[in-house]
Amino acid sequence: MGISCYGSTVILLKLQGLNLSGYMGSLLHLLHELRKLDLSSNNITSEIPYSLPIIVTHLNLACNNLAEYTSIFAQY
């Protein structure tokens, strides 16, 4: 759990199970080298931002309150 950097660049945010709540926000795209984002098992209620860094290879948002989007993805 925590934040990993390569030099001064954030490459991993692993903040699972911390009972975080609220919104993820739209500024994650500023973490240009972020490769892994784990916000699972929290109480995040926001939309999944469209502006996630394109380099992200691992994304875990399981066990949050994003259910309204589960039904959208289930259609495909």
PDB file of N, CA and C in Angstrom:
ATOM      1  N   MET A   1       0.845  -1.164   0.000  1.00  0.00           N
ATOM      2  CA  MET A   1       0.000   0.000   0.000  1.00  0.00           C
ATOM      3  C   MET A   1       0.893   1.230   0.000  1.00  0.00           C
ATOM      4  N   GLY A   2       0.503   2.233  -0.771  1.00  0.00           N
ATOM      5  CA  GLY A   2       1.250   3.465  -0.777  1.00  0.00           C
ATOM      6  C   GLY A   2       1.493   4.005  -2.166  1.00  0.00           C
ATOM      7  N   ILE A   3       2.561   4.749  -2.277  1.00  0.00           N
ATOM      8  CA  ILE A   3       2.931   5.410  -3.526  1.00  0.00           C
ATOM      9  C   ILE A   3       4.348   4.998  -3.877  1.00  0.00           C
ATOM     10  N   SER A   4       4.552   4.621  -5.136  1.00  0.00           N
ATOM     11  CA  SER A   4       5.901   4.308  -5.601  1.00  0.00           C
ATOM     12  C   SER A   4       6.300   5.302  -6.670  1.00  0.00           C
ATOM     13  N   CYS A   5       7.558   5.686  -6.623  1.00  0.00           N
ATOM     14  CA  CYS A   5       8.080   6.662  -7.575  1.00  0.00           C
ATOM     15  C   CYS A   5       9.317   6.116  -8.258  1.00  0.00           C
ATOM     16  N   TYR A   6       9.565   6.631  -9.431  1.00  0.00           N
ATOM     17  CA  TYR A   6      10.816   6.400 -10.135  1.00  0.00           C
ATOM     18  C   TYR A   6      11.426   7.784 -10.293  1.00  0.00           C
ATOM     19  N   GLY A   7      12.422   8.068  -9.483  1.00  0.00           N
ATOM     20  CA  GLY A   7      12.932   9.436  -9.416  1.00  0.00           C
ATOM     21  C   GLY A   7      11.857  10.320  -8.793  1.00  0.00           C
ATOM     22  N   SER A   8      11.461  11.342  -9.493  1.00  0.00           N
ATOM     23  CA  SER A   8      10.419  12.238  -8.989  1.00  0.00           C
ATOM     24  C   SER A   8       9.069  11.972  -9.658  1.00  0.00           C
ATOM     25  N   THR A   9       8.939  10.835 -10.348  1.00  0.00           N
ATOM     26  CA  THR A   9       7.740  10.504 -11.099  1.00  0.00           C
ATOM     27  C   THR A   9       6.935   9.419 -10.391  1.00  0.00           C
ATOM     28  N   VAL A  10       5.646   9.665 -10.162  1.00  0.00           N
ATOM     29  CA  VAL A  10       4.770   8.674  -9.544  1.00  0.00           C
ATOM     30  C   VAL A  10       4.422   7.612 -10.579  1.00  0.00           C
ATOM     31  N   ILE A  11       4.695   6.345 -10.238  1.00  0.00           N
ATOM     32  CA  ILE A  11       4.384   5.248 -11.163  1.00  0.00           C
ATOM     33  C   ILE A  11       3.334   4.293 -10.598  1.00  0.00           C
ATOM     34  N   LEU A  12       3.055   4.353  -9.279  1.00  0.00           N
ATOM     35  CA  LEU A  12       2.093   3.457  -8.669  1.00  0.00           C
ATOM     36  C   LEU A  12       1.365   4.154  -7.533  1.00  0.00           C
ATOM     37  N   LEU A  13       0.049   4.056  -7.530  1.00  0.00           N
ATOM     38  CA  LEU A  13      -0.782   4.477  -6.400  1.00  0.00           C
ATOM     39  C   LEU A  13      -1.561   3.257  -5.957  1.00  0.00           C
ATOM     40  N   LYS A  14      -1.286   2.770  -4.767  1.00  0.00           N
ATOM     41  CA  LYS A  14      -1.960   1.586  -4.241  1.00  0.00           C
ATOM     42  C   LYS A  14      -2.571   1.979  -2.901  1.00  0.00           C
ATOM     43  N   LEU A  15      -3.856   2.324  -2.949  1.00  0.00           N
ATOM     44  CA  LEU A  15      -4.549   2.870  -1.782  1.00  0.00           C
ATOM     45  C   LEU A  15      -5.805   2.059  -1.485  1.00  0.00           C
ATOM     46  N   GLN A  16      -5.700   0.753  -1.537  1.00  0.00           N
ATOM     47  CA  GLN A  16      -6.857  -0.096  -1.332  1.00  0.00           C
ATOM     48  C   GLN A  16      -7.212  -0.223   0.148  1.00  0.00           C
ATOM     49  N   GLY A  17      -8.514  -0.348   0.412  1.00  0.00           N
ATOM     50  CA  GLY A  17      -8.996  -0.638   1.760  1.00  0.00           C
ATOM     51  C   GLY A  17      -8.764   0.440   2.787  1.00  0.00           C
ATOM     52  N   LEU A  18      -8.694   1.686   2.386  1.00  0.00           N
ATOM     53  CA  LEU A  18      -8.452   2.782   3.326  1.00  0.00           C
ATOM     54  C   LEU A  18      -9.729   3.551   3.679  1.00  0.00           C
ATOM     55  N   ASN A  19     -10.870   3.048   3.239  1.00  0.00           N
ATOM     56  CA  ASN A  19     -12.158   3.695   3.470  1.00  0.00           C
ATOM     57  C   ASN A  19     -12.192   5.112   2.902  1.00  0.00           C
ATOM     58  N   LEU A  20     -11.505   5.291   1.774  1.00  0.00           N
ATOM     59  CA  LEU A  20     -11.530   6.586   1.097  1.00  0.00           C
ATOM     60  C   LEU A  20     -12.908   6.790   0.503  1.00  0.00           C
ATOM     61  N   SER A  21     -13.381   8.032   0.523  1.00  0.00           N
ATOM     62  CA  SER A  21     -14.691   8.311  -0.051  1.00  0.00           C
ATOM     63  C   SER A  21     -14.620   9.575  -0.882  1.00  0.00           C
ATOM     64  N   GLY A  22     -15.627   9.759  -1.705  1.00  0.00           N
ATOM     65  CA  GLY A  22     -15.697  10.951  -2.531  1.00  0.00           C
ATOM     66  C   GLY A  22     -15.404  10.648  -3.984  1.00  0.00           C
ATOM     67  N   TYR A  23     -14.757  11.586  -4.636  1.00  0.00           N
ATOM     68  CA  TYR A  23     -14.546  11.541  -6.078  1.00  0.00           C
ATOM     69  C   TYR A  23     -13.082  11.314  -6.408  1.00  0.00           C
ATOM     70  N   MET A  24     -12.822  10.646  -7.527  1.00  0.00           N
ATOM     71  CA  MET A  24     -11.443  10.438  -7.964  1.00  0.00           C
ATOM     72  C   MET A  24     -10.875  11.708  -8.586  1.00  0.00           C
ATOM     73  N   GLY A  25     -11.704  12.525  -9.146  1.00  0.00           N
ATOM     74  CA  GLY A  25     -11.241  13.776  -9.733  1.00  0.00           C
ATOM     75  C   GLY A  25     -10.734  13.601 -11.150  1.00  0.00           C
ATOM     76  N   SER A  26     -10.465  14.713 -11.765  1.00  0.00           N
ATOM     77  CA  SER A  26     -10.074  14.681 -13.180  1.00  0.00           C
ATOM     78  C   SER A  26      -8.604  15.047 -13.395  1.00  0.00           C
ATOM     79  N   LEU A  27      -7.835  15.110 -12.336  1.00  0.00           N
ATOM     80  CA  LEU A  27      -6.434  15.517 -12.482  1.00  0.00           C
ATOM     81  C   LEU A  27      -5.453  14.349 -12.507  1.00  0.00           C
ATOM     82  N   LEU A  28      -5.962  13.124 -12.515  1.00  0.00           N
ATOM     83  CA  LEU A  28      -5.060  11.967 -12.571  1.00  0.00           C
ATOM     84  C   LEU A  28      -4.220  11.958 -13.837  1.00  0.00           C
ATOM     85  N   HIS A  29      -4.713  12.581 -14.893  1.00  0.00           N
ATOM     86  CA  HIS A  29      -3.956  12.622 -16.154  1.00  0.00           C
ATOM     87  C   HIS A  29      -2.631  13.364 -16.001  1.00  0.00           C
ATOM     88  N   LEU A  30      -2.501  14.139 -14.935  1.00  0.00           N
ATOM     89  CA  LEU A  30      -1.243  14.857 -14.697  1.00  0.00           C
ATOM     90  C   LEU A  30      -0.128  13.925 -14.214  1.00  0.00           C
ATOM     91  N   LEU A  31      -0.505  12.713 -13.815  1.00  0.00           N
ATOM     92  CA  LEU A  31       0.496  11.710 -13.432  1.00  0.00           C
ATOM     93  C   LEU A  31       0.862  10.929 -14.694  1.00  0.00           C
ATOM     94  N   HIS A  32       1.644  11.538 -15.541  1.00  0.00           N
ATOM     95  CA  HIS A  32       1.938  11.052 -16.886  1.00  0.00           C
ATOM     96  C   HIS A  32       2.534   9.653 -16.945  1.00  0.00           C
ATOM     97  N   GLU A  33       3.246   9.246 -15.919  1.00  0.00           N
ATOM     98  CA  GLU A  33       3.913   7.940 -15.925  1.00  0.00           C
ATOM     99  C   GLU A  33       3.240   6.927 -15.006  1.00  0.00           C
ATOM    100  N   LEU A  34       2.046   7.229 -14.521  1.00  0.00           N
ATOM    101  CA  LEU A  34       1.331   6.304 -13.646  1.00  0.00           C
ATOM    102  C   LEU A  34       1.000   5.030 -14.403  1.00  0.00           C
ATOM    103  N   ARG A  35       1.460   3.895 -13.871  1.00  0.00           N
ATOM    104  CA  ARG A  35       1.252   2.609 -14.536  1.00  0.00           C
ATOM    105  C   ARG A  35       0.249   1.737 -13.790  1.00  0.00           C
ATOM    106  N   LYS A  36       0.189   1.871 -12.469  1.00  0.00           N
ATOM    107  CA  LYS A  36      -0.712   1.041 -11.671  1.00  0.00           C
ATOM    108  C   LYS A  36      -1.506   1.924 -10.713  1.00  0.00           C
ATOM    109  N   LEU A  37      -2.829   1.731 -10.736  1.00  0.00           N
ATOM    110  CA  LEU A  37      -3.721   2.487  -9.863  1.00  0.00           C
ATOM    111  C   LEU A  37      -4.661   1.497  -9.190  1.00  0.00           C
ATOM    112  N   ASP A  38      -4.577   1.392  -7.882  1.00  0.00           N
ATOM    113  CA  ASP A  38      -5.425   0.479  -7.119  1.00  0.00           C
ATOM    114  C   ASP A  38      -6.139   1.281  -6.039  1.00  0.00           C
ATOM    115  N   LEU A  39      -7.419   1.509  -6.252  1.00  0.00           N
ATOM    116  CA  LEU A  39      -8.263   2.197  -5.274  1.00  0.00           C
ATOM    117  C   LEU A  39      -9.375   1.267  -4.802  1.00  0.00           C
ATOM    118  N   SER A  40      -9.143  -0.029  -4.872  1.00  0.00           N
ATOM    119  CA  SER A  40     -10.173  -1.012  -4.543  1.00  0.00           C
ATOM    120  C   SER A  40     -10.531  -0.989  -3.061  1.00  0.00           C
ATOM    121  N   SER A  41     -11.736  -1.497  -2.771  1.00  0.00           N
ATOM    122  CA  SER A  41     -12.232  -1.655  -1.398  1.00  0.00           C
ATOM    123  C   SER A  41     -12.252  -0.348  -0.622  1.00  0.00           C
ATOM    124  N   ASN A  42     -12.773   0.677  -1.263  1.00  0.00           N
ATOM    125  CA  ASN A  42     -12.983   1.970  -0.622  1.00  0.00           C
ATOM    126  C   ASN A  42     -14.455   2.338  -0.777  1.00  0.00           C
ATOM    127  N   ASN A  43     -14.762   3.604  -0.693  1.00  0.00           N
ATOM    128  CA  ASN A  43     -16.139   4.065  -0.826  1.00  0.00           C
ATOM    129  C   ASN A  43     -16.200   5.192  -1.856  1.00  0.00           C
ATOM    130  N   ILE A  44     -15.532   4.993  -2.977  1.00  0.00           N
ATOM    131  CA  ILE A  44     -15.479   6.009  -4.024  1.00  0.00           C
ATOM    132  C   ILE A  44     -16.788   5.967  -4.799  1.00  0.00           C
ATOM    133  N   THR A  45     -17.385   7.128  -4.991  1.00  0.00           N
ATOM    134  CA  THR A  45     -18.713   7.199  -5.599  1.00  0.00           C
ATOM    135  C   THR A  45     -18.738   7.967  -6.907  1.00  0.00           C
ATOM    136  N   SER A  46     -17.615   8.381  -7.373  1.00  0.00           N
ATOM    137  CA  SER A  46     -17.579   9.232  -8.565  1.00  0.00           C
ATOM    138  C   SER A  46     -17.586   8.414  -9.852  1.00  0.00           C
ATOM    139  N   GLU A  47     -17.606   9.130 -10.954  1.00  0.00           N
ATOM    140  CA  GLU A  47     -17.442   8.507 -12.253  1.00  0.00           C
ATOM    141  C   GLU A  47     -15.996   8.063 -12.418  1.00  0.00           C
ATOM    142  N   ILE A  48     -15.789   7.115 -13.305  1.00  0.00           N
ATOM    143  CA  ILE A  48     -14.425   6.751 -13.680  1.00  0.00           C
ATOM    144  C   ILE A  48     -13.950   7.845 -14.637  1.00  0.00           C
ATOM    145  N   PRO A  49     -12.887   8.561 -14.296  1.00  0.00           N
ATOM    146  CA  PRO A  49     -12.463   9.674 -15.151  1.00  0.00           C
ATOM    147  C   PRO A  49     -12.045   9.222 -16.541  1.00  0.00           C
ATOM    148  N   TYR A  50     -12.446   9.975 -17.534  1.00  0.00           N
ATOM    149  CA  TYR A  50     -12.015   9.701 -18.902  1.00  0.00           C
ATOM    150  C   TYR A  50     -10.559  10.090 -19.107  1.00  0.00           C
ATOM    151  N   SER A  51     -10.038  10.869 -18.199  1.00  0.00           N
ATOM    152  CA  SER A  51      -8.694  11.416 -18.381  1.00  0.00           C
ATOM    153  C   SER A  51      -7.617  10.647 -17.626  1.00  0.00           C
ATOM    154  N   LEU A  52      -7.813   9.345 -17.450  1.00  0.00           N
ATOM    155  CA  LEU A  52      -6.745   8.551 -16.839  1.00  0.00           C
ATOM    156  C   LEU A  52      -5.527   8.559 -17.751  1.00  0.00           C
ATOM    157  N   PRO A  53      -4.328   8.489 -17.181  1.00  0.00           N
ATOM    158  CA  PRO A  53      -3.139   8.439 -18.036  1.00  0.00           C
ATOM    159  C   PRO A  53      -3.208   7.252 -18.981  1.00  0.00           C
ATOM    160  N   ILE A  54      -2.860   7.448 -20.229  1.00  0.00           N
ATOM    161  CA  ILE A  54      -2.982   6.378 -21.220  1.00  0.00           C
ATOM    162  C   ILE A  54      -1.983   5.250 -20.998  1.00  0.00           C
ATOM    163  N   ILE A  55      -0.990   5.480 -20.172  1.00  0.00           N
ATOM    164  CA  ILE A  55       0.042   4.477 -19.923  1.00  0.00           C
ATOM    165  C   ILE A  55      -0.353   3.475 -18.829  1.00  0.00           C
ATOM    166  N   VAL A  56      -1.477   3.701 -18.133  1.00  0.00           N
ATOM    167  CA  VAL A  56      -1.918   2.805 -17.061  1.00  0.00           C
ATOM    168  C   VAL A  56      -2.115   1.393 -17.614  1.00  0.00           C
ATOM    169  N   THR A  57      -1.451   0.420 -16.981  1.00  0.00           N
ATOM    170  CA  THR A  57      -1.582  -0.972 -17.415  1.00  0.00           C
ATOM    171  C   THR A  57      -2.385  -1.803 -16.424  1.00  0.00           C
ATOM    172  N   HIS A  58      -2.491  -1.359 -15.193  1.00  0.00           N
ATOM    173  CA  HIS A  58      -3.256  -2.062 -14.158  1.00  0.00           C
ATOM    174  C   HIS A  58      -4.158  -1.058 -13.455  1.00  0.00           C
ATOM    175  N   LEU A  59      -5.466  -1.346 -13.467  1.00  0.00           N
ATOM    176  CA  LEU A  59      -6.453  -0.471 -12.843  1.00  0.00           C
ATOM    177  C   LEU A  59      -7.396  -1.337 -12.029  1.00  0.00           C
ATOM    178  N   ASN A  60      -7.478  -1.098 -10.724  1.00  0.00           N
ATOM    179  CA  ASN A  60      -8.380  -1.866  -9.862  1.00  0.00           C
ATOM    180  C   ASN A  60      -9.255  -0.895  -9.087  1.00  0.00           C
ATOM    181  N   LEU A  61     -10.548  -0.888  -9.431  1.00  0.00           N
ATOM    182  CA  LEU A  61     -11.532  -0.050  -8.753  1.00  0.00           C
ATOM    183  C   LEU A  61     -12.630  -0.904  -8.132  1.00  0.00           C
ATOM    184  N   ALA A  62     -12.369  -2.191  -7.949  1.00  0.00           N
ATOM    185  CA  ALA A  62     -13.365  -3.123  -7.418  1.00  0.00           C
ATOM    186  C   ALA A  62     -13.797  -2.720  -6.016  1.00  0.00           C
ATOM    187  N   CYS A  63     -15.029  -3.088  -5.677  1.00  0.00           N
ATOM    188  CA  CYS A  63     -15.577  -2.898  -4.326  1.00  0.00           C
ATOM    189  C   CYS A  63     -15.650  -1.429  -3.930  1.00  0.00           C
ATOM    190  N   ASN A  64     -16.136  -0.616  -4.836  1.00  0.00           N
ATOM    191  CA  ASN A  64     -16.471   0.774  -4.572  1.00  0.00           C
ATOM    192  C   ASN A  64     -17.940   0.955  -4.927  1.00  0.00           C
ATOM    193  N   ASN A  65     -18.424   2.164  -4.926  1.00  0.00           N
ATOM    194  CA  ASN A  65     -19.817   2.440  -5.259  1.00  0.00           C
ATOM    195  C   ASN A  65     -19.946   2.981  -6.673  1.00  0.00           C
ATOM    196  N   LEU A  66     -19.416   2.248  -7.630  1.00  0.00           N
ATOM    197  CA  LEU A  66     -19.476   2.637  -9.032  1.00  0.00           C
ATOM    198  C   LEU A  66     -20.507   1.793  -9.775  1.00  0.00           C
ATOM    199  N   ALA A  67     -21.502   1.287  -9.073  1.00  0.00           N
ATOM    200  CA  ALA A  67     -22.465   0.329  -9.635  1.00  0.00           C
ATOM    201  C   ALA A  67     -23.203   0.857 -10.852  1.00  0.00           C
ATOM    202  N   GLU A  68     -23.472   2.150 -10.918  1.00  0.00           N
ATOM    203  CA  GLU A  68     -24.203   2.682 -12.062  1.00  0.00           C
ATOM    204  C   GLU A  68     -23.462   2.455 -13.362  1.00  0.00           C
ATOM    205  N   TYR A  69     -22.162   2.315 -13.328  1.00  0.00           N
ATOM    206  CA  TYR A  69     -21.388   2.075 -14.527  1.00  0.00           C
ATOM    207  C   TYR A  69     -21.256   0.595 -14.822  1.00  0.00           C
ATOM    208  N   THR A  70     -21.409  -0.249 -13.827  1.00  0.00           N
ATOM    209  CA  THR A  70     -21.381  -1.691 -14.043  1.00  0.00           C
ATOM    210  C   THR A  70     -22.467  -2.083 -15.031  1.00  0.00           C
ATOM    211  N   SER A  71     -23.658  -1.508 -14.871  1.00  0.00           N
ATOM    212  CA  SER A  71     -24.757  -1.864 -15.749  1.00  0.00           C
ATOM    213  C   SER A  71     -24.509  -1.360 -17.174  1.00  0.00           C
ATOM    214  N   ILE A  72     -23.823  -0.250 -17.326  1.00  0.00           N
ATOM    215  CA  ILE A  72     -23.494   0.262 -18.656  1.00  0.00           C
ATOM    216  C   ILE A  72     -22.540  -0.693 -19.347  1.00  0.00           C
ATOM    217  N   PHE A  73     -21.492  -1.146 -18.655  1.00  0.00           N
ATOM    218  CA  PHE A  73     -20.510  -2.025 -19.261  1.00  0.00           C
ATOM    219  C   PHE A  73     -21.098  -3.406 -19.518  1.00  0.00           C
ATOM    220  N   ALA A  74     -22.062  -3.828 -18.715  1.00  0.00           N
ATOM    221  CA  ALA A  74     -22.659  -5.150 -18.883  1.00  0.00           C
ATOM    222  C   ALA A  74     -23.430  -5.265 -20.197  1.00  0.00           C
ATOM    223  N   GLN A  75     -23.801  -4.150 -20.806  1.00  0.00           N
ATOM    224  CA  GLN A  75     -24.545  -4.169 -22.062  1.00  0.00           C
ATOM    225  C   GLN A  75     -23.678  -4.622 -23.229  1.00  0.00           C
ATOM    226  N   TYR A  76     -22.378  -4.531 -23.113  1.00  0.00           N
ATOM    227  CA  TYR A  76     -21.481  -4.825 -24.246  1.00  0.00           C
ATOM    228  C   TYR A  76     -20.899  -6.204 -24.154  1.00  0.00           C
TER     229      TYR A  76
END
